[in-house]
């Protein structure tokens, strides 16, 4: 949908890349190896930059349009549910199996 919908693309950048920023930063905070930690933090910063770009674009796109705002809120609700499902699928394997 994002390939044909500017608001969907901006919402994706805001939500998904914002989530990626949080995940990479959490990994940077948890890993003990300083080299890896700084690389993870760098990736988090990059994801945050892209998330901010999406937020700025989205703000401009939806300003004054209640119908577009409603559309974006519905998309974001689905995105968050999809991201949760992805996380659940990726963490369902017990570590003993890995």
N, C-alpha and C. Protein backbone atom coordinates (compact mmCIF):
# COMPACT_ATOMS: atom_id res chain seq x y z
N UNK A 1 0.82 -1.20 0.00
CA UNK A 1 0.00 0.00 0.00
C UNK A 1 0.86 1.26 0.00
N UNK A 2 2.01 1.21 0.64
CA UNK A 2 2.87 2.39 0.76
C UNK A 2 3.42 2.85 -0.59
N UNK A 3 3.50 1.94 -1.56
CA UNK A 3 4.05 2.33 -2.86
C UNK A 3 3.12 3.27 -3.62
N UNK A 4 1.86 3.28 -3.25
CA UNK A 4 0.89 4.13 -3.95
C UNK A 4 0.24 5.16 -3.04
N UNK A 5 0.68 5.25 -1.79
CA UNK A 5 0.02 6.10 -0.80
C UNK A 5 1.09 6.81 0.03
N UNK A 6 1.28 8.11 -0.24
CA UNK A 6 2.31 8.87 0.47
C UNK A 6 2.12 8.85 1.98
N UNK A 7 0.87 8.93 2.42
CA UNK A 7 0.60 8.93 3.85
C UNK A 7 0.94 7.57 4.47
N UNK A 8 0.68 6.50 3.74
CA UNK A 8 1.02 5.16 4.24
C UNK A 8 2.53 5.01 4.36
N UNK A 9 3.26 5.51 3.38
CA UNK A 9 4.72 5.44 3.43
C UNK A 9 5.26 6.23 4.62
N UNK A 10 4.75 7.43 4.81
CA UNK A 10 5.21 8.26 5.93
C UNK A 10 4.85 7.61 7.27
N UNK A 11 3.66 7.03 7.35
CA UNK A 11 3.25 6.35 8.58
C UNK A 11 4.14 5.14 8.85
N UNK A 12 4.47 4.40 7.79
CA UNK A 12 5.38 3.26 7.93
C UNK A 12 6.73 3.73 8.46
N UNK A 13 7.25 4.80 7.88
CA UNK A 13 8.55 5.31 8.34
C UNK A 13 8.46 5.67 9.82
N UNK A 14 7.41 6.37 10.20
CA UNK A 14 7.26 6.81 11.58
C UNK A 14 7.16 5.62 12.53
N UNK A 15 6.28 4.69 12.23
CA UNK A 15 5.98 3.59 13.15
C UNK A 15 7.05 2.50 13.09
N UNK A 16 7.28 1.94 11.92
CA UNK A 16 8.18 0.79 11.82
C UNK A 16 9.63 1.17 12.08
N UNK A 17 10.06 2.30 11.55
CA UNK A 17 11.45 2.69 11.78
C UNK A 17 11.63 3.23 13.19
N UNK A 18 10.58 3.79 13.76
CA UNK A 18 10.64 4.19 15.16
C UNK A 18 10.76 2.98 16.07
N UNK A 19 10.04 1.92 15.72
CA UNK A 19 10.14 0.67 16.48
C UNK A 19 11.53 0.07 16.32
N UNK A 20 12.04 0.11 15.10
CA UNK A 20 13.39 -0.42 14.85
C UNK A 20 14.42 0.35 15.67
N UNK A 21 14.26 1.66 15.77
CA UNK A 21 15.17 2.46 16.58
C UNK A 21 15.16 1.96 18.03
N UNK A 22 13.98 1.74 18.56
CA UNK A 22 13.87 1.28 19.95
C UNK A 22 14.50 -0.10 20.14
N UNK A 23 14.29 -0.99 19.19
CA UNK A 23 14.84 -2.35 19.30
C UNK A 23 16.37 -2.31 19.22
N UNK A 24 16.92 -1.59 18.25
CA UNK A 24 18.38 -1.51 18.12
C UNK A 24 19.00 -0.84 19.35
N UNK A 25 18.33 0.18 19.89
CA UNK A 25 18.87 0.85 21.06
C UNK A 25 18.85 -0.07 22.28
N UNK A 26 17.79 -0.85 22.40
CA UNK A 26 17.72 -1.82 23.50
C UNK A 26 18.85 -2.84 23.38
N UNK A 27 19.09 -3.30 22.17
CA UNK A 27 20.19 -4.26 21.96
C UNK A 27 21.53 -3.60 22.28
N UNK A 28 21.70 -2.33 21.88
CA UNK A 28 22.94 -1.61 22.18
C UNK A 28 23.15 -1.49 23.68
N UNK A 29 22.08 -1.28 24.41
CA UNK A 29 22.16 -1.15 25.86
C UNK A 29 22.44 -2.48 26.55
N UNK A 30 22.02 -3.57 25.94
CA UNK A 30 22.12 -4.89 26.58
C UNK A 30 23.42 -5.63 26.28
N UNK A 31 23.98 -5.41 25.11
CA UNK A 31 25.16 -6.17 24.73
C UNK A 31 26.38 -5.67 25.50
N UNK A 32 27.22 -6.58 25.92
CA UNK A 32 28.38 -6.20 26.72
C UNK A 32 29.57 -5.77 25.88
N UNK A 33 29.67 -6.26 24.67
CA UNK A 33 30.79 -5.92 23.79
C UNK A 33 30.65 -4.47 23.33
N UNK A 34 31.62 -3.64 23.68
CA UNK A 34 31.58 -2.20 23.37
C UNK A 34 31.53 -1.94 21.86
N UNK A 35 32.31 -2.69 21.09
CA UNK A 35 32.33 -2.51 19.64
C UNK A 35 30.94 -2.75 19.05
N UNK A 36 30.33 -3.86 19.42
CA UNK A 36 29.00 -4.20 18.91
C UNK A 36 27.97 -3.19 19.42
N UNK A 37 28.08 -2.82 20.67
CA UNK A 37 27.14 -1.86 21.26
C UNK A 37 27.13 -0.53 20.50
N UNK A 38 28.31 -0.03 20.16
CA UNK A 38 28.37 1.25 19.44
C UNK A 38 27.82 1.11 18.02
N UNK A 39 28.00 -0.05 17.41
CA UNK A 39 27.44 -0.27 16.06
C UNK A 39 25.91 -0.32 16.12
N UNK A 40 25.39 -1.02 17.12
CA UNK A 40 23.94 -1.09 17.29
C UNK A 40 23.36 0.30 17.56
N UNK A 41 24.04 1.08 18.38
CA UNK A 41 23.57 2.44 18.68
C UNK A 41 23.57 3.30 17.42
N UNK A 42 24.56 3.10 16.56
CA UNK A 42 24.62 3.83 15.29
C UNK A 42 23.45 3.47 14.38
N UNK A 43 23.14 2.20 14.34
CA UNK A 43 21.99 1.75 13.54
C UNK A 43 20.70 2.35 14.11
N UNK A 44 20.59 2.36 15.43
CA UNK A 44 19.41 2.95 16.08
C UNK A 44 19.25 4.42 15.71
N UNK A 45 20.35 5.13 15.71
CA UNK A 45 20.32 6.56 15.36
C UNK A 45 19.81 6.75 13.93
N UNK A 46 20.29 5.91 13.02
CA UNK A 46 19.86 5.99 11.61
C UNK A 46 18.36 5.70 11.48
N UNK A 47 17.90 4.67 12.18
CA UNK A 47 16.47 4.34 12.15
C UNK A 47 15.64 5.50 12.71
N UNK A 48 16.13 6.12 13.78
CA UNK A 48 15.42 7.26 14.36
C UNK A 48 15.34 8.43 13.41
N UNK A 49 16.41 8.66 12.66
CA UNK A 49 16.43 9.72 11.66
C UNK A 49 15.33 9.50 10.63
N UNK A 50 15.23 8.26 10.13
CA UNK A 50 14.22 7.96 9.13
C UNK A 50 12.81 8.03 9.73
N UNK A 51 12.67 7.64 10.98
CA UNK A 51 11.38 7.75 11.64
C UNK A 51 10.95 9.22 11.74
N UNK A 52 11.90 10.08 12.08
CA UNK A 52 11.60 11.51 12.16
C UNK A 52 11.22 12.09 10.81
N UNK A 53 11.88 11.63 9.75
CA UNK A 53 11.50 12.08 8.41
C UNK A 53 10.05 11.71 8.11
N UNK A 54 9.69 10.48 8.45
CA UNK A 54 8.31 10.04 8.24
C UNK A 54 7.32 10.86 9.05
N UNK A 55 7.68 11.15 10.28
CA UNK A 55 6.80 11.95 11.14
C UNK A 55 6.58 13.34 10.59
N UNK A 56 7.65 13.96 10.10
CA UNK A 56 7.51 15.31 9.52
C UNK A 56 6.66 15.27 8.26
N UNK A 57 6.92 14.31 7.40
CA UNK A 57 6.15 14.19 6.16
C UNK A 57 4.67 13.93 6.47
N UNK A 58 4.43 13.04 7.41
CA UNK A 58 3.06 12.69 7.76
C UNK A 58 2.32 13.90 8.32
N UNK A 59 2.98 14.66 9.15
CA UNK A 59 2.36 15.85 9.74
C UNK A 59 1.89 16.82 8.66
N UNK A 60 2.73 17.02 7.66
CA UNK A 60 2.37 17.92 6.56
C UNK A 60 1.23 17.35 5.72
N UNK A 61 1.26 16.05 5.48
CA UNK A 61 0.26 15.41 4.61
C UNK A 61 -1.14 15.44 5.21
N UNK A 62 -1.23 15.21 6.50
CA UNK A 62 -2.56 15.06 7.12
C UNK A 62 -3.13 16.35 7.68
N UNK A 63 -2.32 17.41 7.69
CA UNK A 63 -2.78 18.66 8.27
C UNK A 63 -4.06 19.15 7.59
N UNK A 64 -5.09 19.33 8.37
CA UNK A 64 -6.35 19.85 7.87
C UNK A 64 -7.26 18.84 7.19
N UNK A 65 -6.88 17.59 7.17
CA UNK A 65 -7.69 16.57 6.50
C UNK A 65 -8.11 15.48 7.50
N UNK A 66 -9.30 15.61 8.01
CA UNK A 66 -9.78 14.62 8.98
C UNK A 66 -9.90 13.23 8.37
N UNK A 67 -10.29 13.16 7.11
CA UNK A 67 -10.44 11.85 6.47
C UNK A 67 -9.07 11.17 6.30
N UNK A 68 -8.05 11.93 5.95
CA UNK A 68 -6.71 11.36 5.81
C UNK A 68 -6.16 10.98 7.19
N UNK A 69 -6.46 11.80 8.19
CA UNK A 69 -6.03 11.46 9.56
C UNK A 69 -6.65 10.15 10.00
N UNK A 70 -7.93 9.96 9.73
CA UNK A 70 -8.61 8.71 10.08
C UNK A 70 -8.01 7.53 9.33
N UNK A 71 -7.72 7.74 8.05
CA UNK A 71 -7.08 6.70 7.23
C UNK A 71 -5.75 6.28 7.84
N UNK A 72 -4.93 7.26 8.22
CA UNK A 72 -3.62 6.98 8.78
C UNK A 72 -3.74 6.28 10.13
N UNK A 73 -4.67 6.71 10.96
CA UNK A 73 -4.84 6.05 12.27
C UNK A 73 -5.22 4.58 12.10
N UNK A 74 -6.06 4.29 11.11
CA UNK A 74 -6.44 2.90 10.84
C UNK A 74 -5.22 2.11 10.35
N UNK A 75 -4.42 2.71 9.47
CA UNK A 75 -3.21 2.05 8.98
C UNK A 75 -2.24 1.76 10.13
N UNK A 76 -2.05 2.75 10.98
CA UNK A 76 -1.10 2.61 12.09
C UNK A 76 -1.56 1.51 13.05
N UNK A 77 -2.85 1.43 13.29
CA UNK A 77 -3.36 0.36 14.16
C UNK A 77 -3.03 -1.01 13.56
N UNK A 78 -3.22 -1.15 12.26
CA UNK A 78 -2.90 -2.42 11.60
C UNK A 78 -1.40 -2.67 11.60
N UNK A 79 -0.60 -1.64 11.34
CA UNK A 79 0.85 -1.79 11.34
C UNK A 79 1.34 -2.30 12.69
N UNK A 80 0.84 -1.70 13.74
CA UNK A 80 1.27 -2.11 15.08
C UNK A 80 0.89 -3.56 15.36
N UNK A 81 -0.30 -3.95 14.95
CA UNK A 81 -0.72 -5.35 15.13
C UNK A 81 0.18 -6.27 14.31
N UNK A 82 0.49 -5.89 13.07
CA UNK A 82 1.37 -6.69 12.23
C UNK A 82 2.77 -6.80 12.83
N UNK A 83 3.30 -5.70 13.34
CA UNK A 83 4.63 -5.72 13.94
C UNK A 83 4.65 -6.59 15.19
N UNK A 84 3.59 -6.56 15.97
CA UNK A 84 3.50 -7.43 17.15
C UNK A 84 3.49 -8.89 16.73
N UNK A 85 2.73 -9.21 15.69
CA UNK A 85 2.67 -10.58 15.20
C UNK A 85 4.04 -11.03 14.69
N UNK A 86 4.73 -10.17 13.99
CA UNK A 86 6.08 -10.49 13.51
C UNK A 86 7.00 -10.76 14.69
N UNK A 87 6.94 -9.92 15.69
CA UNK A 87 7.78 -10.12 16.89
C UNK A 87 7.45 -11.44 17.55
N UNK A 88 6.18 -11.73 17.66
CA UNK A 88 5.77 -12.98 18.29
C UNK A 88 6.27 -14.19 17.51
N UNK A 89 6.20 -14.14 16.20
CA UNK A 89 6.68 -15.25 15.38
C UNK A 89 8.20 -15.40 15.46
N UNK A 90 8.90 -14.30 15.54
CA UNK A 90 10.36 -14.36 15.58
C UNK A 90 10.92 -14.75 16.94
N UNK A 91 10.12 -14.67 17.98
CA UNK A 91 10.60 -15.00 19.32
C UNK A 91 9.94 -16.24 19.87
N UNK A 92 9.24 -16.97 19.03
CA UNK A 92 8.50 -18.13 19.50
C UNK A 92 9.39 -19.36 19.71
N UNK A 93 10.58 -19.35 19.12
CA UNK A 93 11.47 -20.51 19.24
C UNK A 93 12.22 -20.44 20.57
N UNK A 94 12.15 -21.48 21.37
CA UNK A 94 12.92 -21.48 22.62
C UNK A 94 14.41 -21.35 22.33
N UNK A 95 15.12 -20.63 23.18
CA UNK A 95 16.55 -20.43 22.96
C UNK A 95 17.33 -21.73 22.97
N UNK A 96 16.83 -22.73 23.63
CA UNK A 96 17.53 -24.03 23.68
C UNK A 96 17.59 -24.66 22.29
N UNK A 97 16.68 -24.29 21.41
CA UNK A 97 16.63 -24.87 20.06
C UNK A 97 17.58 -24.14 19.13
N UNK A 98 17.85 -22.88 19.41
CA UNK A 98 18.66 -22.05 18.54
C UNK A 98 20.10 -22.45 18.53
